[in-house]
């Protein structure tokens, strides 16, 4: 169990503050122990976030120009560094997706790190919130960036008919930060399922998530991968009659993407492509207008995922 706690630094004393016994706002965030909710083999260790705000105080997030019930002073301060609060929220949302979230020194398949670019809460006539996070996910073994992106959330709202209070601020912070970390976790979950189907029981493609600006994706920097198809070939009697236990998975990626993929002379779809098929030797041909055709033979193995990457030439 962890919490947000906000308190006011010594400063301008507001009328009536002497009657309050606490300068803290408590926000509870329920976290499951690492891995207890995991539904797959995709494990992520949390390397943590850096504070990119250039703030003199890593716990300060804003100022108040109006009275807030339960608080005194003008500076809005957290009981912990902003980076710790962000990492905790990200942990929760990744865990909610069924991913195994582990400490930074643990053995894992992937490592998550990031930068807190904005984390601001100003209490004025309206409450103004601005949160911006940049997050990067890498493969631990290779150091390769699997996904990198940025999510930003801005909002403003009235405190309510009864005025602002410590619980109002706490609830708002939890909600707005949850929007950012929730979108980031959703983007990571989708890209891992598309690029590492062996870690999941599903093979959906990457989908666009509103509010997420992608820097690195499975296809090329600065773009979202086109939807990846999961196909069981219906044109081949061989594949139709092959039990699932005797099939394998073939993953075909191309640079550029959206190239036509042919297996044994039959068109299957546009890259990137995930295909479940009978094990055996297959001939793969990739075609894209303006580029040379590429041909390669591949051995699809039973119960395994075979990946192919084509760098097309003009």
C-alpha atoms as a PDB file:
ATOM      1  CA  UNK A   1       0.000   0.000   0.000  1.00  0.00           C
ATOM      2  CA  UNK A   2       1.327   3.448  -0.866  1.00  0.00           C
ATOM      3  CA  UNK A   3      -0.002   6.995  -0.976  1.00  0.00           C
ATOM      4  CA  UNK A   4       0.238  10.462  -2.357  1.00  0.00           C
ATOM      5  CA  UNK A   5       0.559  13.082   0.357  1.00  0.00           C
ATOM      6  CA  UNK A   6       0.419  16.788  -0.355  1.00  0.00           C
ATOM      7  CA  UNK A   7       1.292  19.435   2.185  1.00  0.00           C
ATOM      8  CA  UNK A   8       1.879  23.149   2.114  1.00  0.00           C
ATOM      9  CA  UNK A   9       5.315  24.637   2.844  1.00  0.00           C
ATOM     10  CA  UNK A  10       5.589  27.439   5.370  1.00  0.00           C
ATOM     11  CA  UNK A  11       4.621  30.643   3.654  1.00  0.00           C
ATOM     12  CA  UNK A  12       1.651  32.912   3.422  1.00  0.00           C
ATOM     13  CA  UNK A  13      -0.792  31.804   6.162  1.00  0.00           C
ATOM     14  CA  UNK A  14      -4.408  31.712   5.101  1.00  0.00           C
ATOM     15  CA  UNK A  15      -7.310  32.679   7.312  1.00  0.00           C
ATOM     16  CA  UNK A  16      -8.548  29.872   9.520  1.00  0.00           C
ATOM     17  CA  UNK A  17      -5.547  27.572   8.980  1.00  0.00           C
ATOM     18  CA  UNK A  18      -4.814  27.335  12.696  1.00  0.00           C
ATOM     19  CA  UNK A  19      -7.919  25.235  13.176  1.00  0.00           C
ATOM     20  CA  UNK A  20      -6.633  22.402  10.974  1.00  0.00           C
ATOM     21  CA  UNK A  21      -4.620  19.610  12.579  1.00  0.00           C
ATOM     22  CA  UNK A  22      -2.905  18.290   9.418  1.00  0.00           C
ATOM     23  CA  UNK A  23      -1.272  19.760   6.317  1.00  0.00           C
ATOM     24  CA  UNK A  24      -1.376  16.459   4.441  1.00  0.00           C
ATOM     25  CA  UNK A  25      -3.598  15.042   1.720  1.00  0.00           C
ATOM     26  CA  UNK A  26      -3.704  11.262   1.484  1.00  0.00           C
ATOM     27  CA  UNK A  27      -4.413   9.345  -1.746  1.00  0.00           C
ATOM     28  CA  UNK A  28      -4.360   5.563  -1.537  1.00  0.00           C
ATOM     29  CA  UNK A  29      -3.172   3.478  -4.493  1.00  0.00           C
ATOM     30  CA  UNK A  30      -3.636  -0.288  -4.263  1.00  0.00           C
ATOM     31  CA  UNK A  31      -0.737  -2.236  -5.736  1.00  0.00           C
ATOM     32  CA  UNK A  32      -0.631  -5.981  -6.206  1.00  0.00           C
ATOM     33  CA  UNK A  33       2.664  -7.695  -5.331  1.00  0.00           C
ATOM     34  CA  UNK A  34       4.916  -7.944  -8.385  1.00  0.00           C
ATOM     35  CA  UNK A  35       3.791 -10.683 -10.726  1.00  0.00           C
ATOM     36  CA  UNK A  36       0.753 -11.867  -8.750  1.00  0.00           C
ATOM     37  CA  UNK A  37      -1.642 -10.688 -11.432  1.00  0.00           C
ATOM     38  CA  UNK A  38       0.576 -11.669 -14.370  1.00  0.00           C
ATOM     39  CA  UNK A  39      -1.265 -13.558 -17.084  1.00  0.00           C
ATOM     40  CA  UNK A  40       1.699 -14.023 -19.459  1.00  0.00           C
ATOM     41  CA  UNK A  41       5.485 -14.335 -19.638  1.00  0.00           C
ATOM     42  CA  UNK A  42       6.226 -10.699 -20.503  1.00  0.00           C
ATOM     43  CA  UNK A  43       8.278  -9.416 -17.552  1.00  0.00           C
ATOM     44  CA  UNK A  44       9.314  -5.777 -17.143  1.00  0.00           C
ATOM     45  CA  UNK A  45      11.769  -4.403 -14.626  1.00  0.00           C
ATOM     46  CA  UNK A  46      11.282  -0.803 -13.542  1.00  0.00           C
ATOM     47  CA  UNK A  47      14.483   1.183 -14.040  1.00  0.00           C
ATOM     48  CA  UNK A  48      12.581   4.293 -12.968  1.00  0.00           C
ATOM     49  CA  UNK A  49      11.928   7.803 -14.234  1.00  0.00           C
ATOM     50  CA  UNK A  50      14.215  10.830 -14.267  1.00  0.00           C
ATOM     51  CA  UNK A  51      12.953  14.293 -13.368  1.00  0.00           C
ATOM     52  CA  UNK A  52      13.295  16.437 -16.485  1.00  0.00           C
ATOM     53  CA  UNK A  53      11.485  19.491 -15.091  1.00  0.00           C
ATOM     54  CA  UNK A  54      14.616  21.277 -13.829  1.00  0.00           C
ATOM     55  CA  UNK A  55      12.803  21.850 -10.538  1.00  0.00           C
ATOM     56  CA  UNK A  56      14.770  23.002  -7.497  1.00  0.00           C
ATOM     57  CA  UNK A  57      12.591  20.799  -5.305  1.00  0.00           C
ATOM     58  CA  UNK A  58      11.779  17.365  -6.819  1.00  0.00           C
ATOM     59  CA  UNK A  59       8.624  17.213  -4.696  1.00  0.00           C
ATOM     60  CA  UNK A  60       7.122  20.557  -5.591  1.00  0.00           C
ATOM     61  CA  UNK A  61       4.367  20.427  -8.232  1.00  0.00           C
ATOM     62  CA  UNK A  62       2.587  23.795  -8.110  1.00  0.00           C
ATOM     63  CA  UNK A  63       1.174  26.764  -6.227  1.00  0.00           C
ATOM     64  CA  UNK A  64      -2.133  27.849  -4.752  1.00  0.00           C
ATOM     65  CA  UNK A  65      -3.770  31.236  -5.098  1.00  0.00           C
ATOM     66  CA  UNK A  66      -6.935  30.312  -3.214  1.00  0.00           C
ATOM     67  CA  UNK A  67      -7.808  28.680   0.069  1.00  0.00           C
ATOM     68  CA  UNK A  68      -7.707  24.899   0.255  1.00  0.00           C
ATOM     69  CA  UNK A  69      -9.413  23.288   3.206  1.00  0.00           C
ATOM     70  CA  UNK A  70      -6.873  21.442   5.357  1.00  0.00           C
ATOM     71  CA  UNK A  71      -3.772  23.104   3.941  1.00  0.00           C
ATOM     72  CA  UNK A  72      -1.765  26.258   4.588  1.00  0.00           C
ATOM     73  CA  UNK A  73       0.853  28.055   2.517  1.00  0.00           C
ATOM     74  CA  UNK A  74       1.230  28.566  -1.224  1.00  0.00           C
ATOM     75  CA  UNK A  75       3.513  25.761  -2.503  1.00  0.00           C
ATOM     76  CA  UNK A  76       2.042  22.357  -3.380  1.00  0.00           C
ATOM     77  CA  UNK A  77       4.511  19.683  -2.254  1.00  0.00           C
ATOM     78  CA  UNK A  78       4.452  15.884  -2.449  1.00  0.00           C
ATOM     79  CA  UNK A  79       5.673  13.672   0.399  1.00  0.00           C
ATOM     80  CA  UNK A  80       7.934  11.859  -2.098  1.00  0.00           C
ATOM     81  CA  UNK A  81       9.758  12.730  -5.306  1.00  0.00           C
ATOM     82  CA  UNK A  82       7.562  13.114  -8.367  1.00  0.00           C
ATOM     83  CA  UNK A  83       9.485  10.312 -10.085  1.00  0.00           C
ATOM     84  CA  UNK A  84       8.530   7.819  -7.366  1.00  0.00           C
ATOM     85  CA  UNK A  85       4.843   8.742  -7.646  1.00  0.00           C
ATOM     86  CA  UNK A  86       4.940   8.306 -11.432  1.00  0.00           C
ATOM     87  CA  UNK A  87       6.767   4.963 -11.255  1.00  0.00           C
ATOM     88  CA  UNK A  88       4.234   3.647  -8.758  1.00  0.00           C
ATOM     89  CA  UNK A  89       1.297   4.589 -10.978  1.00  0.00           C
ATOM     90  CA  UNK A  90       2.984   3.011 -14.017  1.00  0.00           C
ATOM     91  CA  UNK A  91       3.641  -0.152 -12.003  1.00  0.00           C
ATOM     92  CA  UNK A  92      -0.045  -0.396 -11.156  1.00  0.00           C
ATOM     93  CA  UNK A  93      -1.304   0.008 -14.728  1.00  0.00           C
ATOM     94  CA  UNK A  94       1.234  -2.407 -16.214  1.00  0.00           C
ATOM     95  CA  UNK A  95       0.312  -4.924 -13.546  1.00  0.00           C
ATOM     96  CA  UNK A  96      -3.366  -4.413 -14.333  1.00  0.00           C
ATOM     97  CA  UNK A  97      -2.579  -5.394 -17.943  1.00  0.00           C
ATOM     98  CA  UNK A  98      -1.283  -8.756 -16.737  1.00  0.00           C
ATOM     99  CA  UNK A  99       2.402  -7.921 -17.206  1.00  0.00           C
ATOM    100  CA  UNK A 100       4.971  -9.018 -14.638  1.00  0.00           C
ATOM    101  CA  UNK A 101       6.405  -5.866 -13.050  1.00  0.00           C
ATOM    102  CA  UNK A 102       9.698  -6.421 -11.219  1.00  0.00           C
ATOM    103  CA  UNK A 103      12.285  -4.327  -9.308  1.00  0.00           C
ATOM    104  CA  UNK A 104      15.040  -2.624 -11.301  1.00  0.00           C
ATOM    105  CA  UNK A 105      17.706  -5.211 -10.404  1.00  0.00           C
ATOM    106  CA  UNK A 106      15.564  -8.272 -11.187  1.00  0.00           C
ATOM    107  CA  UNK A 107      15.997 -10.584 -14.155  1.00  0.00           C
ATOM    108  CA  UNK A 108      13.387  -9.662 -16.774  1.00  0.00           C
ATOM    109  CA  UNK A 109      12.794  -9.719 -20.514  1.00  0.00           C
ATOM    110  CA  UNK A 110      12.255  -5.952 -20.773  1.00  0.00           C
ATOM    111  CA  UNK A 111      13.290  -2.794 -18.940  1.00  0.00           C
ATOM    112  CA  UNK A 112      11.198   0.363 -18.595  1.00  0.00           C
ATOM    113  CA  UNK A 113      12.585   3.841 -18.000  1.00  0.00           C
ATOM    114  CA  UNK A 114      11.462   7.360 -18.716  1.00  0.00           C
ATOM    115  CA  UNK A 115      11.490  11.090 -18.088  1.00  0.00           C
ATOM    116  CA  UNK A 116       8.937  13.231 -16.258  1.00  0.00           C
ATOM    117  CA  UNK A 117       8.741  16.295 -18.514  1.00  0.00           C
ATOM    118  CA  UNK A 118       5.803  17.991 -16.777  1.00  0.00           C
ATOM    119  CA  UNK A 119       4.042  17.374 -13.490  1.00  0.00           C
ATOM    120  CA  UNK A 120       2.119  20.445 -12.430  1.00  0.00           C
ATOM    121  CA  UNK A 121      -0.916  21.135 -10.238  1.00  0.00           C
ATOM    122  CA  UNK A 122      -1.896  24.783  -9.700  1.00  0.00           C
ATOM    123  CA  UNK A 123      -4.860  25.723  -7.537  1.00  0.00           C
ATOM    124  CA  UNK A 124      -6.445  28.962  -8.756  1.00  0.00           C
ATOM    125  CA  UNK A 125     -10.008  29.954  -9.581  1.00  0.00           C
ATOM    126  CA  UNK A 126      -9.894  26.601 -11.368  1.00  0.00           C
ATOM    127  CA  UNK A 127      -7.539  23.696 -10.735  1.00  0.00           C
ATOM    128  CA  UNK A 128      -4.983  23.338 -13.549  1.00  0.00           C
ATOM    129  CA  UNK A 129      -3.209  20.020 -14.171  1.00  0.00           C
ATOM    130  CA  UNK A 130      -0.426  19.336 -16.691  1.00  0.00           C
ATOM    131  CA  UNK A 131       1.368  15.970 -16.838  1.00  0.00           C
ATOM    132  CA  UNK A 132       3.728  14.811 -19.597  1.00  0.00           C
ATOM    133  CA  UNK A 133       5.718  11.567 -19.511  1.00  0.00           C
ATOM    134  CA  UNK A 134       8.200  10.092 -21.975  1.00  0.00           C
ATOM    135  CA  UNK A 135       8.648   6.334 -21.594  1.00  0.00           C
ATOM    136  CA  UNK A 136      11.050   3.853 -23.190  1.00  0.00           C
ATOM    137  CA  UNK A 137      10.876   0.054 -23.187  1.00  0.00           C
ATOM    138  CA  UNK A 138      14.003  -1.959 -24.083  1.00  0.00           C
ATOM    139  CA  UNK A 139      14.887  -5.617 -24.446  1.00  0.00           C
ATOM    140  CA  UNK A 140      17.264  -6.430 -21.607  1.00  0.00           C
ATOM    141  CA  UNK A 141      19.347  -8.949 -23.562  1.00  0.00           C
ATOM    142  CA  UNK A 142      19.948  -6.840 -26.678  1.00  0.00           C
ATOM    143  CA  UNK A 143      19.360  -3.298 -25.444  1.00  0.00           C
ATOM    144  CA  UNK A 144      17.061  -2.767 -28.434  1.00  0.00           C
ATOM    145  CA  UNK A 145      14.295  -0.189 -28.018  1.00  0.00           C
ATOM    146  CA  UNK A 146      10.977  -1.967 -28.435  1.00  0.00           C
ATOM    147  CA  UNK A 147       8.798   1.100 -27.885  1.00  0.00           C
ATOM    148  CA  UNK A 148       9.292   4.727 -26.968  1.00  0.00           C
ATOM    149  CA  UNK A 149       6.582   7.332 -26.719  1.00  0.00           C
ATOM    150  CA  UNK A 150       5.161  10.356 -24.982  1.00  0.00           C
ATOM    151  CA  UNK A 151       1.792  10.929 -23.343  1.00  0.00           C
ATOM    152  CA  UNK A 152       0.510  14.326 -22.247  1.00  0.00           C
ATOM    153  CA  UNK A 153      -2.564  15.226 -20.210  1.00  0.00           C
ATOM    154  CA  UNK A 154      -3.909  18.732 -19.595  1.00  0.00           C
ATOM    155  CA  UNK A 155      -7.097  19.587 -17.761  1.00  0.00           C
ATOM    156  CA  UNK A 156      -8.742  22.287 -15.703  1.00  0.00           C
ATOM    157  CA  UNK A 157     -11.857  22.170 -13.574  1.00  0.00           C
ATOM    158  CA  UNK A 158     -13.714  23.942 -10.798  1.00  0.00           C
ATOM    159  CA  UNK A 159     -13.129  22.628  -7.315  1.00  0.00           C
ATOM    160  CA  UNK A 160     -16.843  22.265  -6.634  1.00  0.00           C
ATOM    161  CA  UNK A 161     -19.652  24.040  -4.841  1.00  0.00           C
ATOM    162  CA  UNK A 162     -18.117  23.454  -1.405  1.00  0.00           C
ATOM    163  CA  UNK A 163     -14.687  24.786  -2.396  1.00  0.00           C
ATOM    164  CA  UNK A 164     -11.343  22.998  -2.707  1.00  0.00           C
ATOM    165  CA  UNK A 165     -10.027  20.501  -0.160  1.00  0.00           C
ATOM    166  CA  UNK A 166      -7.056  18.210   0.274  1.00  0.00           C
ATOM    167  CA  UNK A 167      -9.136  15.217  -0.805  1.00  0.00           C
ATOM    168  CA  UNK A 168     -10.231  17.059  -3.982  1.00  0.00           C
ATOM    169  CA  UNK A 169      -6.599  17.647  -4.962  1.00  0.00           C
ATOM    170  CA  UNK A 170      -5.618  14.083  -4.152  1.00  0.00           C
ATOM    171  CA  UNK A 171      -8.464  12.555  -6.169  1.00  0.00           C
ATOM    172  CA  UNK A 172      -7.760  14.805  -9.145  1.00  0.00           C
ATOM    173  CA  UNK A 173      -4.036  14.006  -9.147  1.00  0.00           C
ATOM    174  CA  UNK A 174      -4.693  10.290  -8.998  1.00  0.00           C
ATOM    175  CA  UNK A 175      -7.187  10.469 -11.847  1.00  0.00           C
ATOM    176  CA  UNK A 176      -5.099  12.654 -14.186  1.00  0.00           C
ATOM    177  CA  UNK A 177      -1.869  10.724 -13.628  1.00  0.00           C
ATOM    178  CA  UNK A 178      -3.796   7.508 -14.156  1.00  0.00           C
ATOM    179  CA  UNK A 179      -4.884   8.712 -17.590  1.00  0.00           C
ATOM    180  CA  UNK A 180      -1.242   9.187 -18.637  1.00  0.00           C
ATOM    181  CA  UNK A 181       0.157   5.973 -17.169  1.00  0.00           C
ATOM    182  CA  UNK A 182      -2.902   4.017 -18.305  1.00  0.00           C
ATOM    183  CA  UNK A 183      -2.450   5.067 -21.940  1.00  0.00           C
ATOM    184  CA  UNK A 184       1.265   4.302 -21.761  1.00  0.00           C
ATOM    185  CA  UNK A 185       0.627   0.851 -20.307  1.00  0.00           C
ATOM    186  CA  UNK A 186      -1.966   0.136 -23.002  1.00  0.00           C
ATOM    187  CA  UNK A 187       0.474   1.122 -25.756  1.00  0.00           C
ATOM    188  CA  UNK A 188       3.216  -1.078 -24.283  1.00  0.00           C
ATOM    189  CA  UNK A 189       0.882  -4.039 -23.835  1.00  0.00           C
ATOM    190  CA  UNK A 190      -0.283  -3.835 -27.455  1.00  0.00           C
ATOM    191  CA  UNK A 191       3.169  -3.498 -28.951  1.00  0.00           C
ATOM    192  CA  UNK A 192       4.515  -6.433 -26.940  1.00  0.00           C
ATOM    193  CA  UNK A 193       1.686  -8.654 -28.103  1.00  0.00           C
ATOM    194  CA  UNK A 194       2.413  -7.669 -31.699  1.00  0.00           C
ATOM    195  CA  UNK A 195       6.185  -8.098 -31.561  1.00  0.00           C
ATOM    196  CA  UNK A 196       6.572 -10.958 -29.067  1.00  0.00           C
ATOM    197  CA  UNK A 197       3.588 -13.274 -29.582  1.00  0.00           C
ATOM    198  CA  UNK A 198       5.505 -16.137 -27.981  1.00  0.00           C
ATOM    199  CA  UNK A 199       5.021 -14.424 -24.616  1.00  0.00           C
ATOM    200  CA  UNK A 200       1.246 -14.267 -25.038  1.00  0.00           C
ATOM    201  CA  UNK A 201      -1.619 -16.519 -25.938  1.00  0.00           C
ATOM    202  CA  UNK A 202      -2.851 -13.839 -28.352  1.00  0.00           C
ATOM    203  CA  UNK A 203      -1.316 -12.162 -31.398  1.00  0.00           C
ATOM    204  CA  UNK A 204      -3.232  -8.922 -32.002  1.00  0.00           C
ATOM    205  CA  UNK A 205      -1.679  -6.117 -33.963  1.00  0.00           C
ATOM    206  CA  UNK A 206      -0.573  -2.762 -32.702  1.00  0.00           C
ATOM    207  CA  UNK A 207      -3.381  -0.225 -32.576  1.00  0.00           C
ATOM    208  CA  UNK A 208      -3.417   3.549 -32.377  1.00  0.00           C
ATOM    209  CA  UNK A 209      -4.170   4.890 -28.892  1.00  0.00           C
ATOM    210  CA  UNK A 210      -5.484   8.483 -28.776  1.00  0.00           C
ATOM    211  CA  UNK A 211      -3.153  10.796 -26.892  1.00  0.00           C
ATOM    212  CA  UNK A 212       0.004   8.715 -27.418  1.00  0.00           C
ATOM    213  CA  UNK A 213       2.741  10.219 -29.596  1.00  0.00           C
ATOM    214  CA  UNK A 214       4.990   7.328 -30.692  1.00  0.00           C
ATOM    215  CA  UNK A 215       8.730   7.833 -31.199  1.00  0.00           C
ATOM    216  CA  UNK A 216       9.764   4.205 -31.833  1.00  0.00           C
ATOM    217  CA  UNK A 217       7.506   1.358 -32.978  1.00  0.00           C
ATOM    218  CA  UNK A 218       8.031  -2.118 -34.478  1.00  0.00           C
ATOM    219  CA  UNK A 219       8.171  -0.807 -38.064  1.00  0.00           C
ATOM    220  CA  UNK A 220       9.994   2.465 -38.168  1.00  0.00           C
ATOM    221  CA  UNK A 221      10.729   5.425 -35.989  1.00  0.00           C
ATOM    222  CA  UNK A 222       7.899   7.880 -35.595  1.00  0.00           C
ATOM    223  CA  UNK A 223       4.992   5.668 -36.667  1.00  0.00           C
ATOM    224  CA  UNK A 224       2.456   3.201 -35.369  1.00  0.00           C
ATOM    225  CA  UNK A 225       2.675  -0.254 -36.897  1.00  0.00           C
ATOM    226  CA  UNK A 226      -0.175  -1.164 -39.242  1.00  0.00           C
ATOM    227  CA  UNK A 227      -2.535  -3.717 -37.799  1.00  0.00           C
ATOM    228  CA  UNK A 228      -0.925  -7.149 -37.727  1.00  0.00           C
ATOM    229  CA  UNK A 229      -3.132  -9.962 -38.991  1.00  0.00           C
ATOM    230  CA  UNK A 230      -3.346 -13.363 -37.374  1.00  0.00           C
ATOM    231  CA  UNK A 231      -4.250 -15.770 -40.156  1.00  0.00           C
ATOM    232  CA  UNK A 232      -4.773 -19.484 -40.430  1.00  0.00           C
ATOM    233  CA  UNK A 233      -4.505 -20.066 -44.201  1.00  0.00           C
ATOM    234  CA  UNK A 234      -7.850 -21.221 -45.539  1.00  0.00           C
ATOM    235  CA  UNK A 235      -6.698 -21.786 -49.113  1.00  0.00           C
ATOM    236  CA  UNK A 236      -4.289 -24.596 -48.256  1.00  0.00           C
ATOM    237  CA  UNK A 237      -5.678 -28.062 -47.604  1.00  0.00           C
ATOM    238  CA  UNK A 238      -2.379 -28.904 -45.921  1.00  0.00           C
ATOM    239  CA  UNK A 239      -2.880 -26.213 -43.289  1.00  0.00           C
ATOM    240  CA  UNK A 240      -6.585 -26.860 -42.873  1.00  0.00           C
ATOM    241  CA  UNK A 241      -5.920 -30.501 -42.018  1.00  0.00           C
ATOM    242  CA  UNK A 242      -2.914 -29.857 -39.786  1.00  0.00           C
ATOM    243  CA  UNK A 243      -3.656 -29.995 -36.025  1.00  0.00           C
ATOM    244  CA  UNK A 244      -2.768 -26.857 -34.075  1.00  0.00           C
ATOM    245  CA  UNK A 245      -0.212 -28.872 -32.122  1.00  0.00           C
ATOM    246  CA  UNK A 246       1.748 -29.437 -35.338  1.00  0.00           C
ATOM    247  CA  UNK A 247       1.775 -25.823 -36.458  1.00  0.00           C
ATOM    248  CA  UNK A 248       4.190 -22.963 -35.963  1.00  0.00           C
ATOM    249  CA  UNK A 249       4.064 -19.178 -36.176  1.00  0.00           C
ATOM    250  CA  UNK A 250       5.753 -17.151 -38.917  1.00  0.00           C
ATOM    251  CA  UNK A 251       6.296 -13.422 -38.363  1.00  0.00           C
ATOM    252  CA  UNK A 252       7.222 -11.340 -41.416  1.00  0.00           C
ATOM    253  CA  UNK A 253       8.343  -7.712 -41.099  1.00  0.00           C
ATOM    254  CA  UNK A 254       9.620  -5.392 -43.804  1.00  0.00           C
ATOM    255  CA  UNK A 255      11.215  -1.984 -44.012  1.00  0.00           C
ATOM    256  CA  UNK A 256       9.346  -0.116 -45.399  1.00  0.00           C
ATOM    257  CA  UNK A 257       6.169  -1.720 -44.094  1.00  0.00           C
ATOM    258  CA  UNK A 258       2.958  -2.454 -46.042  1.00  0.00           C
ATOM    259  CA  UNK A 259       4.693  -4.797 -48.495  1.00  0.00           C
ATOM    260  CA  UNK A 260       2.782  -7.719 -50.062  1.00  0.00           C
ATOM    261  CA  UNK A 261       3.757 -11.095 -48.586  1.00  0.00           C
ATOM    262  CA  UNK A 262       3.495 -14.321 -50.638  1.00  0.00           C
ATOM    263  CA  UNK A 263       4.022 -17.807 -49.199  1.00  0.00           C
ATOM    264  CA  UNK A 264       4.586 -20.588 -51.723  1.00  0.00           C
ATOM    265  CA  UNK A 265       3.141 -18.335 -54.415  1.00  0.00           C
ATOM    266  CA  UNK A 266      -0.019 -17.421 -52.470  1.00  0.00           C
ATOM    267  CA  UNK A 267      -0.701 -13.852 -51.285  1.00  0.00           C
ATOM    268  CA  UNK A 268      -1.271 -13.658 -47.506  1.00  0.00           C
ATOM    269  CA  UNK A 269      -1.473  -9.929 -46.751  1.00  0.00           C
ATOM    270  CA  UNK A 270       0.577  -6.818 -46.018  1.00  0.00           C
ATOM    271  CA  UNK A 271       3.528  -6.677 -43.648  1.00  0.00           C
ATOM    272  CA  UNK A 272       3.916  -6.835 -40.698  1.00  0.00           C
ATOM    273  CA  UNK A 273       2.231 -10.234 -40.704  1.00  0.00           C
ATOM    274  CA  UNK A 274       1.793 -13.050 -38.170  1.00  0.00           C
ATOM    275  CA  UNK A 275       0.694 -16.360 -39.699  1.00  0.00           C
ATOM    276  CA  UNK A 276      -0.127 -19.677 -38.043  1.00  0.00           C
ATOM    277  CA  UNK A 277       0.666 -22.584 -40.390  1.00  0.00           C
ATOM    278  CA  UNK A 278       1.806 -26.184 -40.717  1.00  0.00           C
ATOM    279  CA  UNK A 279       5.476 -26.689 -39.924  1.00  0.00           C
ATOM    280  CA  UNK A 280       7.831 -27.171 -42.868  1.00  0.00           C
ATOM    281  CA  UNK A 281       9.912 -25.385 -45.499  1.00  0.00           C
ATOM    282  CA  UNK A 282       8.198 -22.347 -47.041  1.00  0.00           C
ATOM    283  CA  UNK A 283       9.224 -19.866 -49.723  1.00  0.00           C
ATOM    284  CA  UNK A 284       8.542 -16.259 -48.820  1.00  0.00           C
ATOM    285  CA  UNK A 285       8.372 -13.507 -51.469  1.00  0.00           C
ATOM    286  CA  UNK A 286       7.934  -9.853 -50.545  1.00  0.00           C
ATOM    287  CA  UNK A 287       6.824  -7.227 -53.079  1.00  0.00           C
ATOM    288  CA  UNK A 288       6.456  -3.457 -52.770  1.00  0.00           C
ATOM    289  CA  UNK A 289       6.005  -0.973 -55.598  1.00  0.00           C
ATOM    290  CA  UNK A 290       9.210   0.978 -56.207  1.00  0.00           C
ATOM    291  CA  UNK A 291      11.386  -1.695 -54.534  1.00  0.00           C
ATOM    292  CA  UNK A 292      13.076  -4.926 -55.668  1.00  0.00           C
ATOM    293  CA  UNK A 293      11.299  -8.173 -54.880  1.00  0.00           C
ATOM    294  CA  UNK A 294      12.869 -10.168 -52.042  1.00  0.00           C
ATOM    295  CA  UNK A 295      12.761 -13.972 -51.839  1.00  0.00           C
ATOM    296  CA  UNK A 296      13.874 -16.290 -49.048  1.00  0.00           C
ATOM    297  CA  UNK A 297      13.161 -19.818 -47.869  1.00  0.00           C
ATOM    298  CA  UNK A 298      12.316 -20.410 -44.218  1.00  0.00           C
ATOM    299  CA  UNK A 299      11.793 -23.402 -41.933  1.00  0.00           C
ATOM    300  CA  UNK A 300       8.659 -23.056 -39.816  1.00  0.00           C
ATOM    301  CA  UNK A 301       9.055 -25.147 -36.650  1.00  0.00           C
ATOM    302  CA  UNK A 302       6.375 -26.856 -34.600  1.00  0.00           C
ATOM    303  CA  UNK A 303       5.253 -24.806 -31.613  1.00  0.00           C
ATOM    304  CA  UNK A 304       7.829 -22.086 -32.277  1.00  0.00           C
ATOM    305  CA  UNK A 305       7.809 -18.557 -33.658  1.00  0.00           C
ATOM    306  CA  UNK A 306      10.068 -17.895 -36.653  1.00  0.00           C
ATOM    307  CA  UNK A 307      10.771 -14.250 -37.439  1.00  0.00           C
ATOM    308  CA  UNK A 308      11.851 -12.818 -40.799  1.00  0.00           C
ATOM    309  CA  UNK A 309      12.924  -9.236 -41.484  1.00  0.00           C
ATOM    310  CA  UNK A 310      13.358  -7.846 -45.007  1.00  0.00           C
ATOM    311  CA  UNK A 311      15.217  -4.601 -45.701  1.00  0.00           C
ATOM    312  CA  UNK A 312      13.844  -3.791 -49.167  1.00  0.00           C
ATOM    313  CA  UNK A 313      16.099  -2.185 -51.756  1.00  0.00           C
ATOM    314  CA  UNK A 314      15.146   0.241 -54.518  1.00  0.00           C
END
